[in-house]
Amino acid sequence: MTLGKEVGKDAGKDAGKDPGKDVGREVGRRRTFAIISHPDAGKTTLTEKLLLFAGAIHIAGSVKARKASRHATSDWMEIEKQRGISVASSVMQMEYGDCVINLLDTPGHQDFSEDTYRVLTAVDAALMVIDAANGVEAQTLRLLEVCRARNTPIITFVNKMDREVREPLDLIDEIERTLRMAVIPFTWPMGMGRGFRGVFDLRRDSMRVFRPGEDKLSDEDENIEGLDNPAISVRFPEIAAGARAEIELIRGASSEFDHAAFLAGLQTPVFFGSAINNFGVREVLDALVDLAPPPGSRRAFQRKVQPAEPGFSGVVFKIQANMNPAHRDRIAFVRVCSGRFERGMNLRIVRNGKDIRTNGVVSFLSQRRDLLDIAYPGDIIGIPNHGTLQLGDTLTEGERLQFTGLPFFAPEIFQTVEIGDPMRSKQLKLGLAQLGEEGAIQVFRPHSGGALLLGAIGTLQFEVVAHRLKHEYGVEARLVPAKYQLARWITSDNSRELKRFIDINAYRVAYDAVDAPTFLAAFGAELSVAEENWESIQFHKMREHAGLEFQTHLDA
């Protein structure tokens, strides 16, 4: 099995023969997708099994064995191993068949939705995991709205069919009704719960027999050809008649699969299985290769950028500090948008015009990193740096481009930081700066001075920050609730009016990680009054990194 390093090298051999003409071919080989779900639907387990089937790992970690020596490959933080949840997005590259797959595992918990939203800007498709016992849940809907806004194609995997679950027909109806897209079953369960006997492939007219097995991959798949094959009734008399009736109903009622409608986010192919038992995973992996689109064009302020263009461009969609705590490293995750990356090439940070060297660029298998020689559009590369790169930065070979669409959402909960040992103030400041820059928490510097203010979408983010401050920066910190309940970024076409507003409301204004001014309010009425009294000021619930301040820089 080849990881990102070898994938790049293999591509580089052919590329060297005809550099500049291989980009289009390599773009066609890429599939870059994220796995999304509500917490506990089995997303991280499915990630493990996709890696297993692609040959990237040989034994899957168990997210349930929190105190065991093995943990999910995509969960690398100590707190993730302790709690058995994902709190940071992970990137994994692998090769399957003739395709290079870039798989991004995202946190399912809504408290970390900002990280997930930003990851979804870096992918070309999404794999949605649904718990067959619970159906479509709240966080799934929120993530789906982000996908729909970007017309991201979605493949659906209904998981845990070997447990006591809801009727498949009810699940299909709910998915179609709540997600507002046509559901096209590609496989159908033969039984469920303790009576789960396998899945029937509707396209191949074949039943694959269920055989439990968690950690290792077996090639001993058993298939029974044909829905009317007497062997199904002989082997599984308790489910044969009911399963046949459901399949006939589905075949008659379902629409034909339309690949163009799928790419437009109007249809979703649906697969059933049990990720913990490696069952139904191969069909999903094959569908991702066959159906998911290769990298497409991406929107910048200046123009639309095509992936096969000769010039390199990329965008920083994630920053992670301390993936290796011993080295206090910072990795900027960059989605390659166009051209061909070669290790050692000079790249320009469009935001400030500075150049950055790329001798240490890496590819990923979760926390494992390999030096990368070559990458193409759709690939995710990691650039080690010491705070030079920020979320949303565009990198080019010199062209002044700024990609759009990287979202920051106004915090809903605020806390201040109290430190037990004043001698650790420097470490606290460093830790909060780095965690703020990577997007783990939003850090605000009050205009009138005083303690830094932390803002988050959910309370679990504060718990993670306190844990990371202690274990990664050696700082024992206590987080205390602040009086504020909402925030809005403020802009104005009139710079004098903006300055006057800030001066008058100095005690309620703070600056975020990129020095964007923010209005803070303890009550909704305060915001309403400010909006009514200051018509020249715009109050924003969301800020894109490529906002007005960056456009001003580009036009300067």
Protein backbone atom coordinates (compact mmCIF):
# COMPACT_ATOMS: atom_id res chain seq x y z
CA MET A 1 0.00 0.00 0.00
CA THR A 2 1.35 3.42 -0.89
CA LEU A 3 0.81 6.44 1.28
CA GLY A 4 1.03 10.08 0.24
CA LYS A 5 4.81 10.02 -0.03
CA GLU A 6 4.89 7.13 -2.48
CA VAL A 7 1.84 8.39 -4.35
CA GLY A 8 3.64 11.65 -4.96
CA LYS A 9 6.80 9.86 -6.03
CA ASP A 10 5.00 7.60 -8.50
CA ALA A 11 3.25 10.57 -10.01
CA GLY A 12 6.53 12.42 -10.14
CA LYS A 13 8.20 9.75 -12.29
CA ASP A 14 5.66 10.22 -15.04
CA ALA A 15 5.54 13.95 -14.48
CA GLY A 16 9.24 14.33 -15.07
CA LYS A 17 8.82 13.01 -18.61
CA ASP A 18 6.34 15.69 -19.55
CA PRO A 19 6.00 18.29 -16.81
CA GLY A 20 3.07 20.64 -17.28
CA LYS A 21 0.91 18.10 -19.15
CA ASP A 22 0.29 15.63 -16.32
CA VAL A 23 -1.83 17.87 -14.11
CA GLY A 24 -5.09 17.07 -15.87
CA ARG A 25 -4.46 13.33 -15.66
CA GLU A 26 -3.60 13.51 -11.97
CA VAL A 27 -6.65 15.67 -11.23
CA GLY A 28 -8.80 12.92 -12.73
CA ARG A 29 -7.35 10.40 -10.29
CA ARG A 30 -8.15 12.44 -7.15
CA ARG A 31 -11.14 11.98 -4.87
CA THR A 32 -11.24 14.33 -1.89
CA PHE A 33 -14.10 13.89 0.55
CA ALA A 34 -15.11 14.40 4.18
CA ILE A 35 -17.02 12.04 6.44
CA ILE A 36 -19.82 13.79 8.34
CA SER A 37 -22.37 12.63 10.89
CA HIS A 38 -24.06 13.20 14.20
CA PRO A 39 -21.94 12.09 17.21
CA ASP A 40 -21.81 8.32 17.80
CA ALA A 41 -23.16 7.39 14.38
CA GLY A 42 -19.94 5.48 13.70
CA LYS A 43 -18.12 8.01 11.56
CA THR A 44 -14.64 7.46 12.97
CA THR A 45 -15.12 3.69 12.89
CA LEU A 46 -16.08 3.90 9.21
CA THR A 47 -12.99 6.01 8.59
CA GLU A 48 -10.87 3.23 10.09
CA LYS A 49 -12.53 0.61 7.93
CA LEU A 50 -12.11 2.62 4.74
CA LEU A 51 -8.40 2.80 5.53
CA LEU A 52 -8.44 -0.94 6.19
CA PHE A 53 -10.09 -1.79 2.86
CA ALA A 54 -7.76 0.56 0.97
CA GLY A 55 -4.77 -1.18 2.56
CA ALA A 56 -3.50 1.90 4.42
CA ILE A 57 -3.65 0.04 7.75
CA HIS A 58 -3.77 -3.66 8.62
CA ILE A 59 -5.54 -3.61 12.02
CA ALA A 60 -8.21 -1.07 12.86
CA GLY A 61 -8.15 0.77 16.17
CA SER A 62 -11.24 0.61 18.35
CA VAL A 63 -12.76 3.92 19.41
CA LYS A 64 -14.66 2.12 22.15
CA ALA A 65 -11.54 0.76 23.84
CA ARG A 66 -10.67 4.11 25.37
CA LYS A 67 -8.13 2.71 27.80
CA ALA A 68 -6.65 0.17 25.43
CA SER A 69 -3.35 0.54 23.64
CA ARG A 70 -5.06 0.89 20.25
CA HIS A 71 -7.19 3.85 19.31
CA ALA A 72 -8.75 5.10 16.13
CA THR A 73 -6.09 6.14 13.63
CA SER A 74 -7.86 9.43 13.03
CA ASP A 75 -8.09 10.26 16.77
CA TRP A 76 -4.61 11.36 17.80
CA MET A 77 -5.10 13.87 20.64
CA GLU A 78 -4.78 12.51 24.18
CA ILE A 79 -8.24 13.83 25.08
CA GLU A 80 -9.70 12.02 22.06
CA LYS A 81 -8.20 8.74 23.25
CA GLN A 82 -9.49 9.30 26.79
CA ARG A 83 -13.05 10.23 25.81
CA GLY A 84 -13.43 8.17 22.64
CA ILE A 85 -14.58 11.16 20.58
CA SER A 86 -13.12 13.17 17.72
CA VAL A 87 -12.45 16.82 18.54
CA ALA A 88 -10.16 17.71 15.64
CA SER A 89 -10.31 17.00 11.95
CA SER A 90 -7.84 14.46 10.59
CA VAL A 91 -6.46 14.08 7.08
CA MET A 92 -5.55 10.75 5.54
CA GLN A 93 -4.27 10.03 2.05
CA MET A 94 -4.32 6.59 0.45
CA GLU A 95 -4.41 4.93 -2.93
CA TYR A 96 -7.25 2.64 -3.99
CA GLY A 97 -7.26 1.14 -7.45
CA ASP A 98 -6.07 3.87 -9.78
CA CYS A 99 -7.34 6.67 -7.56
CA VAL A 100 -5.65 8.78 -4.91
CA ILE A 101 -8.10 9.31 -2.06
CA ASN A 102 -7.87 12.22 0.35
CA LEU A 103 -10.12 11.40 3.30
CA LEU A 104 -10.94 14.01 5.95
CA ASP A 105 -12.49 12.80 9.20
CA THR A 106 -14.34 15.56 11.05
CA PRO A 107 -15.63 15.99 14.60
CA GLY A 108 -19.25 14.94 14.94
CA HIS A 109 -19.97 16.91 18.10
CA GLN A 110 -21.76 20.18 17.40
CA ASP A 111 -19.40 22.08 19.71
CA PHE A 112 -16.69 21.61 17.08
CA SER A 113 -18.87 22.42 14.09
CA GLU A 114 -16.69 25.36 13.00
CA ASP A 115 -13.78 23.03 12.32
CA THR A 116 -16.10 20.77 10.34
CA TYR A 117 -17.54 23.69 8.35
CA ARG A 118 -14.07 24.80 7.32
CA VAL A 119 -13.07 21.27 6.35
CA LEU A 120 -16.15 21.05 4.12
CA THR A 121 -14.81 23.99 2.09
CA ALA A 122 -11.78 21.85 1.18
CA VAL A 123 -13.55 18.77 -0.21
CA ASP A 124 -15.35 17.82 -3.41
CA ALA A 125 -17.80 15.32 -1.90
CA ALA A 126 -19.12 14.14 1.47
CA LEU A 127 -19.90 10.74 2.94
CA MET A 128 -22.81 11.07 5.37
CA VAL A 129 -23.09 8.40 8.09
CA ILE A 130 -26.51 7.78 9.67
CA ASP A 131 -27.16 5.64 12.72
CA ALA A 132 -29.88 3.18 11.66
CA ALA A 133 -31.39 3.30 15.15
CA ASN A 134 -31.67 7.09 15.33
CA GLY A 135 -32.15 8.20 11.74
CA VAL A 136 -31.35 11.76 10.68
CA GLU A 137 -30.19 13.79 13.68
CA ALA A 138 -29.72 17.51 14.34
CA GLN A 139 -26.01 17.82 13.64
CA THR A 140 -26.43 15.87 10.40
CA LEU A 141 -28.93 18.46 9.21
CA ARG A 142 -26.64 21.37 10.08
CA LEU A 143 -23.74 19.85 8.20
CA LEU A 144 -25.97 19.02 5.28
CA GLU A 145 -26.95 22.69 4.96
CA VAL A 146 -23.28 23.57 4.55
CA CYS A 147 -22.92 20.91 1.87
CA ARG A 148 -26.06 22.09 0.11
CA ALA A 149 -24.83 25.70 0.10
CA ARG A 150 -21.74 24.53 -1.78
CA ASN A 151 -23.59 21.95 -3.95
CA THR A 152 -21.41 19.23 -2.47
CA PRO A 153 -22.39 15.73 -3.69
CA ILE A 154 -23.33 13.38 -0.83
CA ILE A 155 -23.14 9.58 -0.53
CA THR A 156 -25.10 8.14 2.42
CA PHE A 157 -24.13 5.14 4.55
CA VAL A 158 -26.75 3.77 6.97
CA ASN A 159 -24.69 2.18 9.74
CA LYS A 160 -25.21 -0.37 12.55
CA MET A 161 -27.70 -2.58 10.70
CA ASP A 162 -26.64 -5.52 12.87
CA ARG A 163 -28.20 -3.79 15.92
CA GLU A 164 -31.81 -3.15 16.87
CA VAL A 165 -32.72 -0.45 14.39
CA ARG A 166 -35.63 1.22 12.66
CA GLU A 167 -37.33 -0.24 9.60
CA PRO A 168 -35.26 0.47 6.47
CA LEU A 169 -38.29 1.80 4.57
CA ASP A 170 -38.94 4.29 7.38
CA LEU A 171 -35.31 5.37 7.33
CA ILE A 172 -35.37 5.94 3.58
CA ASP A 173 -38.56 7.98 3.86
CA GLU A 174 -37.07 10.12 6.66
CA ILE A 175 -33.82 10.71 4.80
CA GLU A 176 -35.69 11.82 1.69
CA ARG A 177 -38.13 13.99 3.62
CA THR A 178 -35.69 15.73 5.95
CA LEU A 179 -32.73 16.09 3.59
CA ARG A 180 -34.95 17.20 0.71
CA MET A 181 -33.14 15.16 -1.89
CA ALA A 182 -34.01 12.02 -3.82
CA VAL A 183 -32.74 8.84 -2.17
CA ILE A 184 -31.44 6.13 -4.49
CA PRO A 185 -30.73 2.82 -2.67
CA PHE A 186 -27.73 1.06 -4.16
CA THR A 187 -27.84 -1.73 -1.58
CA TRP A 188 -30.66 -3.00 0.64
CA PRO A 189 -30.46 -4.81 3.99
CA MET A 190 -31.50 -8.46 4.19
CA GLY A 191 -32.91 -8.47 7.70
CA MET A 192 -31.80 -6.25 10.57
CA GLY A 193 -30.67 -6.45 14.18
CA ARG A 194 -30.06 -10.03 15.27
CA GLY A 195 -31.70 -11.13 12.05
CA PHE A 196 -29.32 -9.16 9.82
CA ARG A 197 -28.08 -11.56 7.16
CA GLY A 198 -26.44 -9.31 4.59
CA VAL A 199 -27.08 -6.68 1.93
CA PHE A 200 -28.44 -7.01 -1.56
CA ASP A 201 -26.68 -5.08 -4.30
CA LEU A 202 -29.49 -3.69 -6.43
CA ARG A 203 -27.24 -2.92 -9.37
CA ARG A 204 -25.47 -6.28 -9.48
CA ASP A 205 -28.49 -8.37 -8.44
CA SER A 206 -26.42 -10.13 -5.81
CA MET A 207 -26.60 -10.71 -2.05
CA ARG A 208 -23.46 -10.47 0.05
CA VAL A 209 -23.74 -12.62 3.16
CA PHE A 210 -23.01 -10.98 6.50
CA ARG A 211 -20.10 -12.36 8.50
CA PRO A 212 -19.02 -10.45 11.65
CA GLY A 213 -15.37 -9.53 12.12
CA GLU A 214 -13.98 -6.32 13.54
CA ASP A 215 -10.26 -5.74 13.19
CA LYS A 216 -8.85 -7.65 10.27
CA LEU A 217 -9.84 -7.72 6.62
CA SER A 218 -11.07 -10.95 5.07
CA ASP A 219 -11.30 -11.64 1.34
CA GLU A 220 -13.70 -14.52 1.94
CA ASP A 221 -16.85 -12.68 0.89
CA GLU A 222 -19.77 -14.95 0.15
CA ASN A 223 -22.20 -13.87 -2.55
CA ILE A 224 -25.50 -15.34 -3.68
CA GLU A 225 -26.41 -14.32 -7.20
CA GLY A 226 -30.01 -13.31 -8.05
CA LEU A 227 -32.89 -12.13 -5.89
CA ASP A 228 -34.92 -15.24 -6.82
CA ASN A 229 -32.08 -17.65 -6.07
CA PRO A 230 -33.57 -20.50 -3.99
CA ALA A 231 -30.41 -20.50 -1.88
CA ILE A 232 -31.61 -17.32 -0.15
CA SER A 233 -34.82 -19.01 1.00
CA VAL A 234 -32.99 -22.17 2.04
CA ARG A 235 -30.27 -20.36 3.99
CA PHE A 236 -32.36 -17.52 5.43
CA PRO A 237 -36.03 -18.56 5.48
CA GLU A 238 -36.89 -16.14 8.30
CA ILE A 239 -36.06 -13.01 6.25
CA ALA A 240 -36.21 -14.08 2.59
CA ALA A 241 -39.85 -13.28 1.80
CA GLY A 242 -39.90 -9.92 3.60
CA ALA A 243 -36.59 -8.78 2.10
CA ARG A 244 -37.71 -9.76 -1.43
CA ALA A 245 -40.96 -7.81 -1.03
CA GLU A 246 -39.09 -4.69 0.15
CA ILE A 247 -36.60 -4.91 -2.69
CA GLU A 248 -39.35 -5.25 -5.30
CA LEU A 249 -41.08 -2.23 -3.75
CA ILE A 250 -37.87 -0.19 -3.76
CA ARG A 251 -37.11 -1.11 -7.36
CA GLY A 252 -40.55 0.01 -8.44
CA ALA A 253 -40.71 3.21 -6.39
CA SER A 254 -37.18 4.59 -6.62
CA SER A 255 -36.05 7.01 -9.29
CA GLU A 256 -33.27 6.08 -11.67
CA PHE A 257 -29.86 7.20 -10.54
CA ASP A 258 -28.80 10.35 -12.40
CA HIS A 259 -25.12 11.16 -12.01
CA ALA A 260 -25.65 14.82 -12.93
CA ALA A 261 -28.36 15.14 -10.26
CA PHE A 262 -26.02 13.52 -7.73
CA LEU A 263 -23.23 15.97 -8.57
CA ALA A 264 -25.71 18.84 -8.14
CA GLY A 265 -26.68 17.60 -4.66
CA LEU A 266 -30.19 16.56 -5.76
CA GLN A 267 -29.75 12.80 -5.32
CA THR A 268 -27.90 10.72 -2.76
CA PRO A 269 -26.94 7.05 -3.30
CA VAL A 270 -27.63 5.06 -0.12
CA PHE A 271 -25.75 2.03 1.21
CA PHE A 272 -26.48 -0.14 4.25
CA GLY A 273 -24.02 -1.99 6.45
CA SER A 274 -22.13 -2.34 9.71
CA ALA A 275 -18.83 -0.47 9.81
CA ILE A 276 -17.64 -2.14 13.02
CA ASN A 277 -17.93 -5.47 11.22
CA ASN A 278 -16.33 -4.27 7.97
CA PHE A 279 -19.64 -4.91 6.24
CA GLY A 280 -20.86 -2.67 3.44
CA VAL A 281 -17.64 -0.68 3.53
CA ARG A 282 -16.20 -1.95 0.25
CA GLU A 283 -19.33 -0.90 -1.63
CA VAL A 284 -19.04 2.62 -0.19
CA LEU A 285 -15.37 2.86 -1.12
CA ASP A 286 -16.09 1.70 -4.67
CA ALA A 287 -18.92 4.24 -4.94
CA LEU A 288 -16.65 7.06 -3.82
CA VAL A 289 -14.19 6.18 -6.56
CA ASP A 290 -16.83 5.64 -9.24
CA LEU A 291 -19.29 8.42 -8.44
CA ALA A 292 -17.56 11.23 -6.52
CA PRO A 293 -16.20 14.02 -8.73
CA PRO A 294 -12.54 14.86 -9.21
CA PRO A 295 -11.39 18.32 -8.07
CA GLY A 296 -13.23 21.14 -9.81
CA SER A 297 -12.87 24.89 -10.18
CA ARG A 298 -12.72 27.11 -7.10
CA ARG A 299 -13.88 30.69 -6.65
CA ALA A 300 -11.48 33.50 -5.82
CA PHE A 301 -12.31 37.20 -5.52
CA GLN A 302 -10.50 37.89 -8.76
CA ARG A 303 -11.66 34.95 -10.92
CA LYS A 304 -12.56 31.28 -11.06
CA VAL A 305 -9.49 29.04 -10.77
CA GLN A 306 -9.39 25.79 -12.77
CA PRO A 307 -7.53 22.79 -11.31
CA ALA A 308 -5.57 21.96 -14.46
CA GLU A 309 -4.03 25.44 -14.71
CA PRO A 310 -0.21 25.31 -14.77
CA GLY A 311 0.30 27.77 -11.89
CA PHE A 312 0.11 26.46 -8.34
CA SER A 313 -2.48 27.79 -5.93
CA GLY A 314 -3.73 26.55 -2.58
CA VAL A 315 -5.69 27.67 0.45
CA VAL A 316 -5.08 27.12 4.18
CA PHE A 317 -8.29 25.66 5.61
CA LYS A 318 -6.94 24.31 8.90
CA ILE A 319 -4.03 24.90 11.28
CA GLN A 320 -3.06 22.40 13.95
CA ALA A 321 -0.58 23.13 16.73
CA ASN A 322 1.38 20.46 18.58
CA MET A 323 0.65 17.42 16.47
CA ASN A 324 4.08 16.50 17.80
CA PRO A 325 4.17 18.14 21.27
CA ALA A 326 7.88 17.41 21.65
CA HIS A 327 8.65 19.84 18.81
CA ARG A 328 5.89 22.43 19.42
CA ASP A 329 5.17 22.27 15.70
CA ARG A 330 2.43 24.07 13.76
CA ILE A 331 1.09 22.54 10.59
CA ALA A 332 -0.94 24.50 8.05
CA PHE A 333 -3.26 22.18 6.10
CA VAL A 334 -3.40 23.41 2.51
CA ARG A 335 -5.87 22.25 -0.12
CA VAL A 336 -4.11 22.29 -3.49
CA CYS A 337 -6.46 24.12 -5.87
CA SER A 338 -4.50 24.28 -9.11
CA GLY A 339 -1.21 23.36 -10.73
CA ARG A 340 1.46 21.08 -9.42
CA PHE A 341 3.26 21.34 -6.10
CA GLU A 342 6.93 20.36 -5.90
CA ARG A 343 8.82 20.22 -2.65
CA GLY A 344 11.21 23.14 -2.28
CA MET A 345 9.32 25.50 -4.58
CA ASN A 346 8.86 29.11 -3.48
CA LEU A 347 5.31 30.07 -2.65
CA ARG A 348 3.92 33.50 -1.86
CA ILE A 349 1.48 34.29 0.94
CA VAL A 350 -0.90 36.63 -0.86
CA ARG A 351 -2.13 38.26 2.36
CA ASN A 352 1.22 39.90 3.13
CA GLY A 353 3.33 39.29 0.03
CA LYS A 354 5.89 37.19 1.93
CA ASP A 355 7.53 34.13 0.42
CA ILE A 356 7.65 30.76 2.14
CA ARG A 357 9.95 27.83 1.48
CA THR A 358 8.45 24.35 1.23
CA ASN A 359 11.32 21.95 1.91
CA GLY A 360 9.54 20.32 4.85
CA VAL A 361 6.07 19.83 3.35
CA VAL A 362 4.37 16.59 4.41
CA SER A 363 1.45 14.33 3.57
CA PHE A 364 -0.70 12.69 6.23
CA LEU A 365 -2.06 9.50 7.67
CA SER A 366 -3.64 11.16 10.71
CA GLN A 367 -0.69 12.13 12.98
CA ARG A 368 1.78 10.17 10.84
CA ARG A 369 3.59 12.39 8.40
CA ASP A 370 5.77 11.65 5.39
CA LEU A 371 7.86 14.11 3.41
CA LEU A 372 6.03 14.94 0.22
CA ASP A 373 7.71 15.47 -3.14
CA ILE A 374 4.78 16.22 -5.45
CA ALA A 375 1.08 17.01 -5.01
CA TYR A 376 -1.81 17.86 -7.31
CA PRO A 377 -5.22 19.58 -7.03
CA GLY A 378 -7.39 17.84 -4.46
CA ASP A 379 -4.41 16.79 -2.34
CA ILE A 380 -3.99 18.09 1.19
CA ILE A 381 -0.43 19.09 2.05
CA GLY A 382 0.96 20.12 5.40
CA ILE A 383 3.35 23.07 5.70
CA PRO A 384 5.23 23.33 9.02
CA ASN A 385 5.60 26.95 10.10
CA HIS A 386 6.01 29.17 13.16
CA GLY A 387 2.89 31.30 12.87
CA THR A 388 3.60 32.57 9.36
CA LEU A 389 0.44 31.05 7.89
CA GLN A 390 -3.11 31.81 9.02
CA LEU A 391 -6.49 30.24 8.36
CA GLY A 392 -7.76 31.33 4.95
CA ASP A 393 -4.36 32.27 3.53
CA THR A 394 -3.97 31.81 -0.22
CA LEU A 395 -0.62 30.54 -1.53
CA THR A 396 0.45 31.04 -5.15
CA GLU A 397 3.57 31.26 -7.26
CA GLY A 398 3.09 35.02 -7.39
CA GLU A 399 -0.43 35.70 -8.65
CA ARG A 400 -2.57 37.92 -6.41
CA LEU A 401 -5.48 35.63 -5.66
CA GLN A 402 -7.69 35.32 -2.61
CA PHE A 403 -9.95 32.28 -2.33
CA THR A 404 -13.31 32.86 -0.68
CA GLY A 405 -15.63 30.89 1.52
CA LEU A 406 -13.73 30.01 4.72
CA PRO A 407 -16.29 30.72 7.49
CA PHE A 408 -15.92 31.95 11.07
CA PHE A 409 -19.12 32.06 13.10
CA ALA A 410 -19.92 34.47 15.89
CA PRO A 411 -19.34 32.81 19.31
CA GLU A 412 -22.31 32.06 21.52
CA ILE A 413 -20.48 31.43 24.81
CA PHE A 414 -17.68 33.51 26.37
CA GLN A 415 -15.18 32.88 29.15
CA THR A 416 -12.13 34.62 30.58
CA VAL A 417 -8.95 32.89 31.69
CA GLU A 418 -7.53 32.84 35.19
CA ILE A 419 -4.04 31.45 35.63
CA GLY A 420 -2.87 29.80 38.86
CA ASP A 421 0.84 30.53 38.40
CA PRO A 422 1.62 34.06 37.13
CA MET A 423 5.08 32.80 36.12
CA ARG A 424 3.37 30.82 33.34
CA SER A 425 1.80 33.90 31.74
CA LYS A 426 4.10 33.72 28.75
CA GLN A 427 3.15 30.11 28.10
CA LEU A 428 -0.54 31.01 28.49
CA LYS A 429 -0.27 33.81 25.96
CA LEU A 430 1.56 31.54 23.50
CA GLY A 431 -0.93 28.72 23.96
CA LEU A 432 -3.99 30.89 23.47
CA ALA A 433 -2.45 32.59 20.45
CA GLN A 434 -1.71 29.28 18.77
CA LEU A 435 -5.03 27.68 19.67
CA GLY A 436 -6.83 30.78 18.43
CA GLU A 437 -4.93 30.80 15.14
CA GLU A 438 -5.77 27.16 14.49
CA GLY A 439 -9.47 27.80 15.17
CA ALA A 440 -9.81 25.57 18.24
CA ILE A 441 -11.19 28.59 20.09
CA GLN A 442 -11.77 32.23 19.22
CA VAL A 443 -9.54 34.58 21.17
CA PHE A 444 -10.48 38.23 21.57
CA ARG A 445 -8.27 41.07 22.80
CA PRO A 446 -10.39 43.77 24.51
CA HIS A 447 -9.97 47.24 23.02
CA SER A 448 -9.71 48.79 26.47
CA GLY A 449 -7.20 46.22 27.77
CA GLY A 450 -7.57 43.48 30.35
CA ALA A 451 -7.71 39.69 30.25
CA LEU A 452 -8.13 37.87 26.96
CA LEU A 453 -11.64 36.74 26.20
CA LEU A 454 -12.40 33.30 24.78
CA GLY A 455 -15.42 32.67 22.56
CA ALA A 456 -16.85 29.34 21.42
CA ILE A 457 -19.84 27.69 19.83
CA GLY A 458 -20.13 25.03 22.55
CA THR A 459 -18.93 24.41 26.10
CA LEU A 460 -16.89 21.34 25.17
CA GLN A 461 -14.50 23.60 23.26
CA PHE A 462 -13.50 25.25 26.55
CA GLU A 463 -12.86 21.85 28.12
CA VAL A 464 -10.60 20.89 25.24
CA VAL A 465 -8.73 24.22 25.43
CA ALA A 466 -8.13 23.83 29.17
CA HIS A 467 -6.92 20.26 28.60
CA ARG A 468 -4.57 21.30 25.80
CA LEU A 469 -3.22 24.28 27.75
CA LYS A 470 -2.31 21.91 30.57
CA HIS A 471 -0.88 19.04 28.54
CA GLU A 472 0.66 20.89 25.59
CA TYR A 473 1.78 24.17 27.18
CA GLY A 474 2.14 23.27 30.86
CA VAL A 475 -0.41 25.88 31.99
CA GLU A 476 -3.01 25.22 34.68
CA ALA A 477 -5.81 27.61 33.74
CA ARG A 478 -9.29 28.15 35.10
CA LEU A 479 -11.96 29.34 32.69
CA VAL A 480 -14.57 31.65 34.18
CA PRO A 481 -17.88 32.58 32.48
CA ALA A 482 -17.92 36.11 31.08
CA LYS A 483 -20.88 38.49 30.97
CA TYR A 484 -21.19 38.49 27.19
CA GLN A 485 -23.71 36.38 25.32
CA LEU A 486 -23.18 37.34 21.70
CA ALA A 487 -20.70 38.93 19.33
CA ARG A 488 -20.85 40.58 15.91
CA TRP A 489 -18.00 41.56 13.66
CA ILE A 490 -18.31 45.20 12.66
CA THR A 491 -17.46 46.92 9.39
CA SER A 492 -18.38 50.20 7.74
CA ASP A 493 -17.88 51.98 4.45
CA ASN A 494 -17.05 55.05 6.52
CA SER A 495 -13.76 54.51 8.36
CA ARG A 496 -14.27 57.60 10.53
CA GLU A 497 -17.67 56.38 11.69
CA LEU A 498 -16.20 52.95 12.47
CA LYS A 499 -13.45 54.56 14.56
CA ARG A 500 -15.98 56.75 16.35
CA PHE A 501 -18.17 53.73 17.10
CA ILE A 502 -15.18 51.85 18.52
CA ASP A 503 -14.10 54.79 20.67
CA ILE A 504 -17.58 55.30 22.12
CA ASN A 505 -18.11 51.57 22.72
CA ALA A 506 -14.53 50.78 23.72
CA TYR A 507 -15.58 48.64 26.69
CA ARG A 508 -17.66 46.43 24.38
CA VAL A 509 -15.20 46.10 21.49
CA ALA A 510 -12.49 43.48 21.09
CA TYR A 511 -10.22 42.24 18.27
CA ASP A 512 -9.99 38.66 17.06
CA ALA A 513 -6.97 36.66 15.84
CA VAL A 514 -6.72 38.74 12.64
CA ASP A 515 -7.48 42.04 14.40
CA ALA A 516 -11.01 42.25 13.03
CA PRO A 517 -13.06 44.52 15.38
CA THR A 518 -15.92 42.79 17.18
CA PHE A 519 -18.86 44.20 19.11
CA LEU A 520 -19.72 42.27 22.31
CA ALA A 521 -23.10 42.37 24.03
CA ALA A 522 -24.42 40.93 27.27
CA PHE A 523 -28.01 40.98 26.03
CA GLY A 524 -29.70 40.89 22.65
CA ALA A 525 -31.26 44.28 23.38
CA GLU A 526 -27.81 45.91 23.45
CA LEU A 527 -27.18 44.72 19.92
CA SER A 528 -30.59 45.90 18.77
CA VAL A 529 -29.98 49.38 20.17
CA ALA A 530 -26.54 49.59 18.57
CA GLU A 531 -27.91 48.52 15.18
CA GLU A 532 -30.70 51.10 15.44
CA ASN A 533 -28.45 53.98 16.51
CA TRP A 534 -25.57 53.30 14.14
CA GLU A 535 -26.97 52.84 10.64
CA SER A 536 -23.54 53.28 9.06
CA ILE A 537 -22.14 50.22 10.92
CA GLN A 538 -22.70 46.68 9.64
CA PHE A 539 -22.95 43.88 12.24
CA HIS A 540 -21.98 40.41 10.93
CA LYS A 541 -22.79 36.98 12.41
CA MET A 542 -20.21 35.34 10.16
CA ARG A 543 -16.80 36.44 8.97
CA GLU A 544 -14.95 34.93 6.06
CA HIS A 545 -11.21 35.07 6.36
CA ALA A 546 -11.20 36.60 2.90
CA GLY A 547 -13.20 39.57 4.13
CA LEU A 548 -13.14 43.27 3.47
CA GLU A 549 -9.79 43.81 5.17
CA PHE A 550 -8.12 41.27 2.87
CA GLN A 551 -9.79 42.60 -0.25
CA THR A 552 -8.53 46.06 0.72
CA HIS A 553 -5.01 44.68 0.95
CA LEU A 554 -5.27 43.01 -2.45
CA ASP A 555 -6.52 46.17 -4.10
CA ALA A 556 -3.88 48.36 -2.49
